[in-house]
Amino acid sequence: MKKFPPTYLPILLLLFLALAACVRPSSRKLETAERIAEDHPDSARAILRHIDYFYLDEEGKARYIMAKATSDAATGRSLVTDSLLPVAVRFYKQQGDTPGWLKANKLYISYLYELNRIGAASEVVEEILTSIPADDIDRQSQFRDMGLQLHIAAEKYGEALKEADWLIDHAESDRARLGNAQIRMFLLLKLGGKGHAAAYGDSILRSSFAPKAGSPEWLDFMGDYAEILDEDRQSAKAVAVVENILALNPDMSPEAKATYMISLAKYNANLGDIPKARHILTAIDSLGYDPLKIEAGFGRDVEFLRNALDYRETGHLSLLSDKTTAAEVYRRRIINNDAISEMNELSAWKMQLTLEKQNVAILLLSFCLLLMIVAAIFYRLSSRRRRRLLEAEEKIDTLDQMLREVRSADGNSADRNRTLKRMVLRQMGLLKVFASSPTEQNQEVLRKISAVDAESASNGNLVNWEHLYAMIDELYEGFYTNLLKTYSDTFSEKEIQIICLLRGGFSTKEIGVLTRQSSATIYVRKSAIRKKLGTEEGGDFLAAIITATTPSDNI
């Protein structure tokens, strides 16, 4: 079994700790944000800000998108920044997670609605309704309700009326049935049936799901019912409805009371009672309501009604107040646009910081990966060198063992000669192997081989020449001894070394390693040997020497 080198283990440990530090806290934070997204959306958003979306896996990204969109919807924030919702929709669909897919689609439809992509949102609703079983009333109702709102936004009142009828028929509670009936009343008005709308409102009050007087549902319905009555020119009845609302709710907030009173002023104006309408408008000013807590456009409606009353009395139409109101609206719009622009810049800056953080992390991971690769290469090379050294040590031990066998072969000269010759061949083979790759470690092995059965390491030489000459004599029938006899004063010591190594089958490169000379020097010395023998350049001088040194009885 392989073991990691000491330098490799700390890197793996650091990388593991870094990944664990990033992934585990993010996973726990994401779980917490998902759990509290609906009940504590602001806290969920704060948690999500500390999670790096880019480091999450596919499932984590889908969950992050859903948690953010859910918290946005729960706080009333716009979903226009939740542009990644299609990623969550696609993920849950691929996973076959129907509840997750439906929830993601509900948020996605709201996102499309806020972008005013009503057609695209309606297509999503239609696709979902076809995939939900007809007997799954709860889910059918959820998405049909969304489809109803989309039809109204697209002014497709006929289609919306069909959805409202379905929702009324399949409502599971009187409250839900009342809400959809109230929308149906509004749709009848939009389709031009003012009388039908008023009559339908009367039928709702006589129905089994009619709201209880004084309840929040009753207040909401009666306000819309009064508007329908006024549109049907039943303004006196509308006045009676609103006066009844105010009488039954004396503790109503100033903002709610102002909303009902401006409707009451309009109804009285439509009846022709201008003084009473003016009196009501004056009373509205004395309520002390908070403009920030009342519905948008309320001040504009008050000014418009005043101008209408002035025109009714004087025949002169003034728009000064409306222009002032329009200027204020324009000013607020500029402020809102500036705020949105600033928000977009902050979002872009945050995205830039996130990308820079991601790049730094990628660089760190790349650096760690590079260190791991370098460590692995170093480990592999070290293992190979260590293995070769061990092999060399084993071979040296083998030579020592063979030498002991030679010494122990007392009387049997044939066994002694065979053992000695095998040892010589083995040692010559080792010299060739390690001379072919002149690394520092191989040179150290050569010194150890040369030191076998020697008192020293040949004074630092890579070859114990005395042993080498003895091996050449043993293998090649006294070649070295005959060389000295035949050419006693012809060659230098270096030239004799080269000739003996060539006789042993060593290449020029291997000879250069063993004699510690360059290939160019070996070439020069070979040329000198040829010149001394009278051999032409390129000729085989070794063959001539072998012929000259071979005893005549062996020829």
Protein backbone atom coordinates (compact mmCIF):
# COMPACT_ATOMS: atom_id res chain seq x y z
CA MET A 1 0.00 0.00 0.00
CA LYS A 2 1.38 3.41 -1.00
CA LYS A 3 2.00 6.02 1.66
CA PHE A 4 1.98 9.77 1.16
CA PRO A 5 5.30 11.51 1.76
CA PRO A 6 5.55 13.80 4.83
CA THR A 7 5.41 16.93 2.63
CA TYR A 8 2.20 15.72 0.98
CA LEU A 9 0.14 15.03 4.08
CA PRO A 10 0.12 18.63 5.46
CA ILE A 11 -1.07 19.95 2.09
CA LEU A 12 -3.93 17.45 1.99
CA LEU A 13 -4.82 18.26 5.58
CA LEU A 14 -4.86 22.01 4.94
CA LEU A 15 -6.94 21.58 1.79
CA PHE A 16 -9.42 19.37 3.60
CA LEU A 17 -9.73 21.83 6.49
CA ALA A 18 -10.20 24.75 4.07
CA LEU A 19 -12.94 22.95 2.16
CA ALA A 20 -14.63 21.85 5.37
CA ALA A 21 -14.48 25.39 6.73
CA CYS A 22 -16.19 26.71 3.57
CA VAL A 23 -18.76 24.00 2.92
CA ARG A 24 -20.03 22.95 6.34
CA PRO A 25 -20.79 26.43 7.74
CA SER A 26 -22.43 27.40 4.42
CA SER A 27 -24.59 24.27 4.56
CA ARG A 28 -25.70 25.02 8.11
CA LYS A 29 -26.38 28.67 7.27
CA LEU A 30 -28.42 27.70 4.23
CA GLU A 31 -30.54 25.28 6.28
CA THR A 32 -31.21 28.01 8.84
CA ALA A 33 -32.13 30.56 6.17
CA GLU A 34 -34.56 28.10 4.54
CA ARG A 35 -36.22 27.35 7.88
CA ILE A 36 -36.86 31.00 8.83
CA ALA A 37 -37.39 32.52 5.35
CA GLU A 38 -41.16 32.93 5.75
CA ASP A 39 -41.45 33.77 9.45
CA HIS A 40 -38.27 35.84 9.85
CA PRO A 41 -37.40 36.95 6.31
CA ASP A 42 -35.07 39.80 7.32
CA SER A 43 -32.95 37.43 9.40
CA ALA A 44 -32.92 34.94 6.53
CA ARG A 45 -31.69 37.63 4.14
CA ALA A 46 -28.92 38.59 6.58
CA ILE A 47 -27.78 34.95 6.73
CA LEU A 48 -27.87 34.56 2.95
CA ARG A 49 -25.60 37.59 2.55
CA HIS A 50 -22.84 35.59 4.26
CA ILE A 51 -23.15 32.61 1.90
CA ASP A 52 -21.10 32.59 -1.30
CA TYR A 53 -23.49 31.38 -4.00
CA PHE A 54 -20.68 30.44 -6.41
CA TYR A 55 -19.22 27.79 -4.08
CA LEU A 56 -22.50 25.88 -3.67
CA ASP A 57 -23.28 22.72 -5.58
CA GLU A 58 -26.29 22.51 -7.91
CA GLU A 59 -28.72 21.58 -5.14
CA GLY A 60 -27.30 24.24 -2.81
CA LYS A 61 -27.73 26.92 -5.47
CA ALA A 62 -31.38 25.96 -6.02
CA ARG A 63 -32.05 26.07 -2.28
CA TYR A 64 -30.27 29.43 -1.98
CA ILE A 65 -32.36 30.91 -4.82
CA MET A 66 -35.57 29.68 -3.19
CA ALA A 67 -34.66 30.96 0.27
CA LYS A 68 -33.82 34.41 -1.10
CA ALA A 69 -36.98 34.68 -3.22
CA THR A 70 -39.15 33.43 -0.34
CA SER A 71 -37.70 35.99 2.06
CA ASP A 72 -38.11 38.74 -0.55
CA ALA A 73 -41.78 37.85 -1.03
CA ALA A 74 -42.38 37.62 2.72
CA THR A 75 -41.01 41.15 3.30
CA GLY A 76 -42.95 42.64 0.40
CA ARG A 77 -39.80 43.30 -1.60
CA SER A 78 -39.87 43.15 -5.35
CA LEU A 79 -38.78 39.89 -6.94
CA VAL A 80 -37.18 41.63 -9.92
CA THR A 81 -33.71 40.84 -8.53
CA ASP A 82 -34.52 37.11 -8.30
CA SER A 83 -33.56 36.46 -11.91
CA LEU A 84 -32.08 33.04 -11.04
CA LEU A 85 -35.48 31.51 -10.26
CA PRO A 86 -35.51 29.60 -13.60
CA VAL A 87 -32.41 27.74 -12.35
CA ALA A 88 -34.35 26.51 -9.32
CA VAL A 89 -37.38 25.61 -11.45
CA ARG A 90 -35.20 23.56 -13.81
CA PHE A 91 -33.36 21.81 -10.95
CA TYR A 92 -36.51 20.67 -9.11
CA LYS A 93 -38.08 19.52 -12.36
CA GLN A 94 -35.00 17.43 -13.22
CA GLN A 95 -35.00 15.94 -9.72
CA GLY A 96 -38.69 15.03 -9.94
CA ASP A 97 -39.39 17.08 -6.79
CA THR A 98 -43.00 18.15 -7.49
CA PRO A 99 -43.55 20.24 -4.30
CA GLY A 100 -40.26 22.06 -4.84
CA TRP A 101 -41.04 22.56 -8.53
CA LEU A 102 -44.49 24.03 -7.80
CA LYS A 103 -43.16 26.34 -5.11
CA ALA A 104 -40.38 27.55 -7.39
CA ASN A 105 -42.91 28.15 -10.17
CA LYS A 106 -45.17 30.21 -7.90
CA LEU A 107 -42.27 32.53 -7.15
CA TYR A 108 -41.20 32.54 -10.80
CA ILE A 109 -44.71 33.56 -11.91
CA SER A 110 -44.64 36.45 -9.42
CA TYR A 111 -41.21 37.41 -10.79
CA LEU A 112 -42.55 37.50 -14.37
CA TYR A 113 -45.61 39.47 -13.23
CA GLU A 114 -43.44 42.15 -11.62
CA LEU A 115 -41.45 42.41 -14.85
CA ASN A 116 -44.79 42.95 -16.63
CA ARG A 117 -44.23 39.78 -18.65
CA ILE A 118 -47.86 38.81 -18.25
CA GLY A 119 -47.99 36.56 -21.31
CA ALA A 120 -44.96 34.51 -20.21
CA ALA A 121 -46.39 34.18 -16.70
CA SER A 122 -49.74 33.00 -18.08
CA GLU A 123 -47.96 30.34 -20.18
CA VAL A 124 -46.23 29.00 -17.08
CA VAL A 125 -49.57 28.83 -15.25
CA GLU A 126 -51.17 26.94 -18.15
CA GLU A 127 -48.28 24.46 -18.25
CA ILE A 128 -48.60 23.79 -14.54
CA LEU A 129 -52.38 23.42 -14.59
CA THR A 130 -52.08 20.72 -17.27
CA SER A 131 -49.63 18.80 -15.07
CA ILE A 132 -51.75 18.96 -11.89
CA PRO A 133 -54.45 16.27 -11.59
CA ALA A 134 -58.00 17.64 -11.83
CA ASP A 135 -58.89 16.18 -8.42
CA ASP A 136 -56.00 18.01 -6.73
CA ILE A 137 -58.27 20.93 -5.85
CA ASP A 138 -55.85 22.65 -3.50
CA ARG A 139 -53.04 22.97 -6.05
CA GLN A 140 -55.46 23.70 -8.89
CA SER A 141 -56.92 26.54 -6.81
CA GLN A 142 -53.51 28.04 -6.03
CA PHE A 143 -52.48 28.34 -9.67
CA ARG A 144 -55.94 29.21 -11.00
CA ASP A 145 -55.96 32.11 -8.56
CA MET A 146 -52.64 33.27 -10.02
CA GLY A 147 -54.05 32.83 -13.52
CA LEU A 148 -57.06 34.95 -12.51
CA GLN A 149 -54.81 37.83 -11.42
CA LEU A 150 -52.79 37.57 -14.64
CA HIS A 151 -55.94 37.69 -16.81
CA ILE A 152 -57.06 40.82 -14.95
CA ALA A 153 -53.63 42.42 -15.45
CA ALA A 154 -53.85 41.62 -19.17
CA GLU A 155 -57.43 42.98 -19.23
CA LYS A 156 -58.75 39.62 -20.40
CA TYR A 157 -61.86 39.95 -18.26
CA GLY A 158 -63.78 37.17 -20.02
CA GLU A 159 -61.03 34.63 -19.25
CA ALA A 160 -60.74 35.98 -15.75
CA LEU A 161 -64.50 35.53 -15.21
CA LYS A 162 -64.23 31.83 -16.09
CA GLU A 163 -61.44 31.35 -13.56
CA ALA A 164 -63.43 33.22 -10.91
CA ASP A 165 -66.45 30.96 -11.49
CA TRP A 166 -64.25 27.84 -11.13
CA LEU A 167 -62.72 29.16 -7.91
CA ILE A 168 -66.15 30.02 -6.46
CA ASP A 169 -67.48 26.53 -7.26
CA HIS A 170 -64.41 24.79 -5.79
CA ALA A 171 -63.76 27.07 -2.81
CA GLU A 172 -63.08 25.13 0.38
CA SER A 173 -64.21 27.93 2.72
CA ASP A 174 -66.79 30.72 2.80
CA ARG A 175 -63.99 33.26 3.09
CA ALA A 176 -62.36 32.03 -0.13
CA ARG A 177 -65.75 31.91 -1.88
CA LEU A 178 -66.50 35.50 -0.79
CA GLY A 179 -63.14 36.77 -2.01
CA ASN A 180 -63.60 35.27 -5.46
CA ALA A 181 -67.23 36.44 -5.62
CA GLN A 182 -66.03 39.95 -4.87
CA ILE A 183 -63.60 39.72 -7.79
CA ARG A 184 -66.40 38.39 -10.00
CA MET A 185 -68.50 41.44 -9.13
CA PHE A 186 -65.61 43.66 -10.23
CA LEU A 187 -65.21 41.69 -13.49
CA LEU A 188 -68.91 42.11 -14.35
CA LEU A 189 -68.43 45.86 -13.97
CA LYS A 190 -65.38 45.82 -16.25
CA LEU A 191 -67.31 43.86 -18.87
CA GLY A 192 -69.87 46.70 -18.97
CA GLY A 193 -72.58 45.12 -16.89
CA LYS A 194 -72.98 47.74 -14.15
CA GLY A 195 -76.48 46.62 -13.36
CA HIS A 196 -75.39 42.96 -13.37
CA ALA A 197 -72.50 43.82 -11.05
CA ALA A 198 -74.80 45.62 -8.58
CA ALA A 199 -77.34 42.80 -8.71
CA TYR A 200 -74.58 40.23 -8.11
CA GLY A 201 -73.45 42.26 -5.10
CA ASP A 202 -77.01 42.09 -3.73
CA SER A 203 -77.03 38.32 -4.24
CA ILE A 204 -73.78 37.95 -2.33
CA LEU A 205 -75.33 39.72 0.68
CA ARG A 206 -78.21 37.23 0.55
CA SER A 207 -75.93 34.18 0.10
CA SER A 208 -74.79 31.64 2.69
CA PHE A 209 -71.23 33.00 2.54
CA ALA A 210 -72.23 36.67 3.08
CA PRO A 211 -69.73 38.43 5.39
CA LYS A 212 -70.62 39.08 9.00
CA ALA A 213 -71.37 42.74 9.68
CA GLY A 214 -68.44 44.55 11.21
CA SER A 215 -65.85 41.89 10.28
CA PRO A 216 -62.76 42.81 8.21
CA GLU A 217 -64.21 40.84 5.29
CA TRP A 218 -67.46 42.79 5.57
CA LEU A 219 -65.63 46.14 5.58
CA ASP A 220 -63.64 45.20 2.48
CA PHE A 221 -66.64 43.87 0.58
CA MET A 222 -69.01 46.72 1.49
CA GLY A 223 -66.47 49.30 0.32
CA ASP A 224 -66.30 47.65 -3.13
CA TYR A 225 -70.09 47.13 -3.13
CA ALA A 226 -70.64 50.86 -2.54
CA GLU A 227 -68.39 51.70 -5.50
CA ILE A 228 -70.39 49.33 -7.72
CA LEU A 229 -73.65 50.94 -6.57
CA ASP A 230 -72.32 54.42 -7.35
CA GLU A 231 -71.21 53.31 -10.82
CA ASP A 232 -74.75 51.98 -11.38
CA ARG A 233 -76.08 55.44 -10.40
CA GLN A 234 -77.36 54.14 -7.09
CA SER A 235 -75.36 56.83 -5.29
CA ALA A 236 -77.93 57.31 -2.49
CA LYS A 237 -77.66 53.61 -1.63
CA ALA A 238 -73.86 53.88 -1.80
CA VAL A 239 -73.97 56.82 0.66
CA ALA A 240 -76.08 54.76 3.05
CA VAL A 241 -73.61 51.84 2.84
CA VAL A 242 -70.58 54.02 3.68
CA GLU A 243 -72.39 55.90 6.47
CA ASN A 244 -73.30 52.52 7.95
CA ILE A 245 -69.65 51.43 7.77
CA LEU A 246 -68.49 54.59 9.60
CA ALA A 247 -71.24 54.30 12.19
CA LEU A 248 -70.37 50.67 13.02
CA ASN A 249 -66.64 51.42 13.29
CA PRO A 250 -66.17 54.57 15.39
CA ASP A 251 -62.62 53.49 16.38
CA MET A 252 -61.43 53.19 12.80
CA SER A 253 -57.92 54.52 12.12
CA PRO A 254 -57.68 58.04 10.62
CA GLU A 255 -56.19 56.58 7.41
CA ALA A 256 -59.06 54.08 6.94
CA LYS A 257 -61.68 56.68 7.83
CA ALA A 258 -60.20 59.14 5.30
CA THR A 259 -60.42 56.48 2.58
CA TYR A 260 -64.12 55.88 3.22
CA MET A 261 -64.86 59.60 3.61
CA ILE A 262 -63.45 60.57 0.20
CA SER A 263 -65.71 57.93 -1.35
CA LEU A 264 -68.59 59.38 0.64
CA ALA A 265 -67.76 62.89 -0.65
CA LYS A 266 -67.75 61.59 -4.24
CA TYR A 267 -71.11 59.85 -3.79
CA ASN A 268 -72.69 63.02 -2.40
CA ALA A 269 -71.24 65.03 -5.28
CA ASN A 270 -72.82 62.57 -7.73
CA LEU A 271 -76.15 63.11 -5.90
CA GLY A 272 -75.72 66.88 -6.44
CA ASP A 273 -75.20 67.69 -2.75
CA ILE A 274 -72.12 69.92 -3.24
CA PRO A 275 -72.13 71.57 0.23
CA LYS A 276 -72.12 68.19 1.96
CA ALA A 277 -69.36 66.96 -0.31
CA ARG A 278 -67.25 70.05 0.55
CA HIS A 279 -67.97 69.57 4.24
CA ILE A 280 -66.72 66.01 4.08
CA LEU A 281 -63.51 67.07 2.28
CA THR A 282 -62.88 69.68 4.99
CA ALA A 283 -63.45 67.03 7.65
CA ILE A 284 -60.87 64.79 5.96
CA ASP A 285 -58.21 67.49 6.43
CA SER A 286 -58.92 67.55 10.16
CA LEU A 287 -58.46 63.80 10.66
CA GLY A 288 -54.69 64.08 11.07
CA TYR A 289 -53.94 60.96 9.03
CA ASP A 290 -50.39 59.93 8.14
CA PRO A 291 -49.83 60.38 4.37
CA LEU A 292 -47.26 57.59 4.42
CA LYS A 293 -49.80 55.09 5.76
CA ILE A 294 -52.52 55.82 3.25
CA GLU A 295 -52.85 54.39 -0.23
CA ALA A 296 -50.94 56.03 -3.08
CA GLY A 297 -52.86 58.65 -5.05
CA PHE A 298 -55.11 59.59 -2.16
CA GLY A 299 -53.96 63.23 -2.12
CA ARG A 300 -54.37 63.46 -5.88
CA ASP A 301 -57.95 62.14 -5.62
CA VAL A 302 -58.79 64.75 -2.97
CA GLU A 303 -57.47 67.57 -5.15
CA PHE A 304 -59.26 66.27 -8.20
CA LEU A 305 -62.56 66.11 -6.30
CA ARG A 306 -62.10 69.66 -5.04
CA ASN A 307 -61.43 70.89 -8.58
CA ALA A 308 -64.50 69.04 -9.82
CA LEU A 309 -66.65 70.67 -7.14
CA ASP A 310 -65.23 74.10 -7.98
CA TYR A 311 -66.06 73.59 -11.62
CA ARG A 312 -69.59 72.42 -10.72
CA GLU A 313 -70.18 75.62 -8.75
CA THR A 314 -68.28 78.24 -10.77
CA GLY A 315 -67.96 76.74 -14.24
CA HIS A 316 -64.19 77.44 -14.05
CA LEU A 317 -61.71 74.57 -14.12
CA SER A 318 -58.38 75.05 -12.32
CA LEU A 319 -55.48 72.59 -12.51
CA LEU A 320 -52.97 74.44 -10.33
CA SER A 321 -53.34 72.07 -7.43
CA ASP A 322 -53.09 69.10 -9.76
CA LYS A 323 -49.92 70.51 -11.25
CA THR A 324 -48.46 70.94 -7.78
CA THR A 325 -49.40 67.36 -6.99
CA ALA A 326 -47.93 66.19 -10.30
CA ALA A 327 -44.70 68.02 -9.52
CA GLU A 328 -44.54 66.28 -6.15
CA VAL A 329 -45.21 62.93 -7.82
CA TYR A 330 -42.47 63.67 -10.34
CA ARG A 331 -40.05 64.63 -7.57
CA ARG A 332 -40.76 61.38 -5.73
CA ARG A 333 -40.33 59.44 -8.93
CA ILE A 334 -36.89 61.01 -9.41
CA ILE A 335 -35.99 60.06 -5.85
CA ASN A 336 -37.17 56.50 -6.44
CA ASN A 337 -35.24 56.26 -9.70
CA ASP A 338 -32.10 57.52 -7.98
CA ALA A 339 -32.59 55.00 -5.19
CA ILE A 340 -33.03 52.17 -7.71
CA SER A 341 -29.93 53.31 -9.61
CA GLU A 342 -27.94 53.36 -6.39
CA MET A 343 -29.25 49.91 -5.52
CA ASN A 344 -28.18 48.58 -8.92
CA GLU A 345 -24.71 50.05 -8.48
CA LEU A 346 -24.41 48.47 -5.05
CA SER A 347 -25.57 45.14 -6.49
CA ALA A 348 -22.99 45.38 -9.27
CA TRP A 349 -20.29 46.25 -6.73
CA LYS A 350 -21.30 43.32 -4.57
CA MET A 351 -21.20 41.03 -7.60
CA GLN A 352 -17.73 42.34 -8.48
CA LEU A 353 -16.50 41.66 -4.95
CA THR A 354 -17.97 38.18 -5.12
CA LEU A 355 -16.23 37.48 -8.43
CA GLU A 356 -12.92 38.80 -7.08
CA LYS A 357 -13.31 36.61 -4.04
CA GLN A 358 -14.03 33.67 -6.32
CA ASN A 359 -10.92 34.40 -8.40
CA VAL A 360 -8.75 34.57 -5.28
CA ALA A 361 -10.17 31.27 -4.11
CA ILE A 362 -9.53 29.71 -7.53
CA LEU A 363 -5.93 30.96 -7.41
CA LEU A 364 -5.46 29.51 -3.93
CA LEU A 365 -6.94 26.19 -4.96
CA SER A 366 -4.80 26.18 -8.10
CA PHE A 367 -1.72 26.88 -6.00
CA CYS A 368 -2.62 24.07 -3.62
CA LEU A 369 -3.19 21.75 -6.58
CA LEU A 370 0.19 22.73 -8.03
CA LEU A 371 1.86 22.01 -4.69
CA MET A 372 0.14 18.64 -4.60
CA ILE A 373 1.33 17.82 -8.12
CA VAL A 374 4.90 18.90 -7.31
CA ALA A 375 4.81 16.89 -4.10
CA ALA A 376 3.49 13.86 -5.98
CA ILE A 377 6.22 14.15 -8.63
CA PHE A 378 8.87 14.58 -5.95
CA TYR A 379 7.51 11.59 -4.12
CA ARG A 380 7.52 9.48 -7.28
CA LEU A 381 11.09 10.45 -8.15
CA SER A 382 12.27 9.91 -4.60
CA SER A 383 10.58 6.52 -4.49
CA ARG A 384 12.18 5.52 -7.78
CA ARG A 385 15.63 6.61 -6.62
CA ARG A 386 15.17 4.91 -3.31
CA ARG A 387 14.07 1.73 -5.07
CA ARG A 388 17.07 1.78 -7.38
CA LEU A 389 19.41 2.32 -4.47
CA LEU A 390 17.84 -0.59 -2.66
CA GLU A 391 18.20 -2.74 -5.78
CA ALA A 392 21.84 -1.73 -6.04
CA GLU A 393 22.42 -2.57 -2.38
CA GLU A 394 20.83 -5.96 -2.95
CA LYS A 395 23.04 -6.59 -5.99
CA ILE A 396 26.14 -5.58 -4.05
CA ASP A 397 25.12 -7.98 -1.31
CA THR A 398 24.75 -10.62 -4.02
CA LEU A 399 28.29 -9.90 -5.22
CA ASP A 400 29.60 -10.23 -1.68
CA GLN A 401 27.77 -13.54 -1.34
CA MET A 402 29.18 -14.78 -4.64
CA LEU A 403 32.67 -13.74 -3.57
CA ARG A 404 32.27 -15.74 -0.37
CA GLU A 405 31.14 -18.70 -2.45
CA VAL A 406 34.30 -18.41 -4.58
CA ARG A 407 36.50 -18.39 -1.50
CA SER A 408 34.66 -21.35 0.03
CA ALA A 409 35.11 -23.51 -3.13
CA ASP A 410 38.31 -25.14 -1.83
CA GLY A 411 39.31 -28.06 -4.01
CA ASN A 412 36.83 -27.89 -6.81
CA SER A 413 38.43 -25.51 -9.32
CA ALA A 414 35.65 -26.00 -11.88
CA ASP A 415 32.99 -24.78 -9.40
CA ARG A 416 35.27 -21.94 -8.36
CA ASN A 417 35.78 -20.83 -11.98
CA ARG A 418 32.07 -20.99 -12.81
CA THR A 419 31.12 -19.00 -9.71
CA LEU A 420 33.85 -16.45 -10.31
CA LYS A 421 32.84 -16.00 -13.94
CA ARG A 422 29.19 -15.52 -12.96
CA MET A 423 30.19 -12.90 -10.41
CA VAL A 424 32.34 -11.06 -12.94
CA LEU A 425 29.54 -11.00 -15.51
CA ARG A 426 27.11 -9.69 -12.86
CA GLN A 427 29.48 -6.91 -11.80
CA MET A 428 30.23 -5.91 -15.40
CA GLY A 429 26.48 -5.72 -16.04
CA LEU A 430 26.02 -3.49 -13.01
CA LEU A 431 28.77 -1.16 -14.20
CA LYS A 432 27.05 -0.81 -17.59
CA VAL A 433 23.60 -0.16 -16.05
CA PHE A 434 24.73 2.61 -13.73
CA ALA A 435 27.20 4.14 -16.18
CA SER A 436 24.39 4.61 -18.74
CA SER A 437 22.66 7.21 -16.48
CA PRO A 438 25.30 9.46 -14.88
CA THR A 439 23.30 10.79 -11.89
CA GLU A 440 24.91 11.57 -8.57
CA GLN A 441 23.14 8.63 -6.96
CA ASN A 442 24.28 6.23 -9.71
CA GLN A 443 27.84 7.44 -9.31
CA GLU A 444 27.59 6.72 -5.60
CA VAL A 445 26.41 3.20 -6.45
CA LEU A 446 29.41 2.75 -8.78
CA ARG A 447 31.75 3.68 -5.94
CA LYS A 448 30.08 1.10 -3.72
CA ILE A 449 30.36 -1.58 -6.42
CA SER A 450 34.04 -0.76 -6.88
CA ALA A 451 34.57 -1.04 -3.13
CA VAL A 452 33.33 -4.64 -2.98
CA ASP A 453 36.16 -6.73 -1.49
CA ALA A 454 38.35 -3.62 -1.41
CA GLU A 455 39.79 -1.81 1.57
CA SER A 456 38.83 1.60 0.19
CA ALA A 457 36.61 3.09 -2.44
CA SER A 458 39.44 3.33 -4.94
CA ASN A 459 40.47 6.78 -3.79
CA GLY A 460 37.13 8.24 -4.91
CA ASN A 461 37.28 6.68 -8.40
CA LEU A 462 34.06 5.29 -9.85
CA VAL A 463 35.87 2.12 -10.92
CA ASN A 464 38.36 -0.05 -9.08
CA TRP A 465 40.63 -0.50 -12.07
CA GLU A 466 42.55 -3.36 -10.52
CA HIS A 467 39.32 -5.34 -10.20
CA LEU A 468 38.16 -4.28 -13.65
CA TYR A 469 41.38 -5.47 -15.29
CA ALA A 470 41.03 -8.76 -13.41
CA MET A 471 37.46 -9.12 -14.69
CA ILE A 472 38.57 -8.37 -18.28
CA ASP A 473 41.27 -11.04 -17.96
CA GLU A 474 38.74 -13.50 -16.54
CA LEU A 475 36.13 -12.89 -19.20
CA TYR A 476 38.33 -12.43 -22.25
CA GLU A 477 41.14 -14.98 -21.80
CA GLY A 478 43.77 -12.71 -20.27
CA PHE A 479 43.13 -9.75 -22.57
CA TYR A 480 44.52 -7.12 -20.17
CA THR A 481 47.66 -9.15 -19.32
CA ASN A 482 48.34 -9.89 -22.99
CA LEU A 483 47.73 -6.22 -23.85
CA LEU A 484 50.48 -5.15 -21.46
CA LYS A 485 52.86 -7.81 -22.85
CA THR A 486 52.18 -7.01 -26.50
CA TYR A 487 52.11 -3.22 -26.17
CA SER A 488 54.26 -2.73 -23.06
CA ASP A 489 55.36 0.84 -23.80
CA THR A 490 52.79 1.86 -26.41
CA PHE A 491 49.72 3.07 -24.51
CA SER A 492 49.19 5.36 -21.54
CA GLU A 493 47.15 4.33 -18.51
CA LYS A 494 44.11 6.29 -19.73
CA GLU A 495 44.34 4.66 -23.15
CA ILE A 496 44.60 1.19 -21.56
CA GLN A 497 41.43 1.97 -19.53
CA ILE A 498 39.57 2.93 -22.72
CA ILE A 499 40.76 -0.19 -24.59
CA CYS A 500 39.71 -2.51 -21.74
CA LEU A 501 36.30 -0.84 -21.40
CA LEU A 502 35.75 -1.12 -25.15
CA ARG A 503 36.68 -4.80 -24.91
CA GLY A 504 34.05 -5.14 -22.16
CA GLY A 505 31.36 -3.72 -24.50
CA PHE A 506 31.00 -0.26 -22.93
CA SER A 507 29.77 2.63 -25.10
CA THR A 508 31.61 5.95 -25.50
CA LYS A 509 29.13 7.64 -23.13
CA GLU A 510 29.57 4.93 -20.49
CA ILE A 511 33.36 5.08 -20.85
CA GLY A 512 33.21 8.86 -20.33
CA VAL A 513 31.23 8.36 -17.10
CA LEU A 514 33.51 5.67 -15.70
CA THR A 515 36.76 7.50 -16.59
CA ARG A 516 35.30 10.94 -15.76
CA GLN A 517 36.19 12.32 -19.18
CA SER A 518 34.10 14.09 -21.79
CA SER A 519 33.03 12.37 -25.01
CA ALA A 520 35.31 14.75 -26.95
CA THR A 521 38.29 13.64 -24.85
CA ILE A 522 37.43 9.99 -25.41
CA TYR A 523 37.32 10.67 -29.17
CA VAL A 524 40.75 12.34 -29.06
CA ARG A 525 42.24 9.40 -27.14
CA LYS A 526 40.71 6.92 -29.62
CA SER A 527 42.37 8.86 -32.46
CA ALA A 528 45.69 8.68 -30.61
CA ILE A 529 45.33 4.90 -30.24
CA ARG A 530 44.64 4.53 -33.97
CA LYS A 531 47.68 6.64 -34.80
CA LYS A 532 49.91 4.50 -32.58
CA LEU A 533 48.57 1.31 -34.21
CA GLY A 534 48.67 2.77 -37.71
CA THR A 535 44.94 2.21 -38.15
CA GLU A 536 43.17 4.55 -40.55
CA GLU A 537 40.62 7.01 -39.20
CA GLY A 538 37.33 5.22 -38.57
CA GLY A 539 39.00 1.83 -38.60
CA ASP A 540 38.35 -0.88 -35.98
CA PHE A 541 41.51 -0.68 -33.89
CA LEU A 542 39.99 -2.93 -31.20
CA ALA A 543 39.81 -5.84 -33.63
CA ALA A 544 43.49 -5.36 -34.45
CA ILE A 545 44.40 -5.34 -30.74
CA ILE A 546 42.31 -8.48 -30.08
CA THR A 547 44.05 -10.26 -32.92
CA ALA A 548 47.49 -9.17 -31.70
CA THR A 549 46.89 -10.16 -28.08
CA THR A 550 45.26 -13.53 -28.71
CA PRO A 551 47.72 -16.42 -28.14
CA SER A 552 48.67 -18.25 -31.33
CA ASP A 553 47.35 -21.59 -30.06
CA ASN A 554 43.84 -20.05 -29.76
CA ILE A 555 43.78 -18.73 -33.33
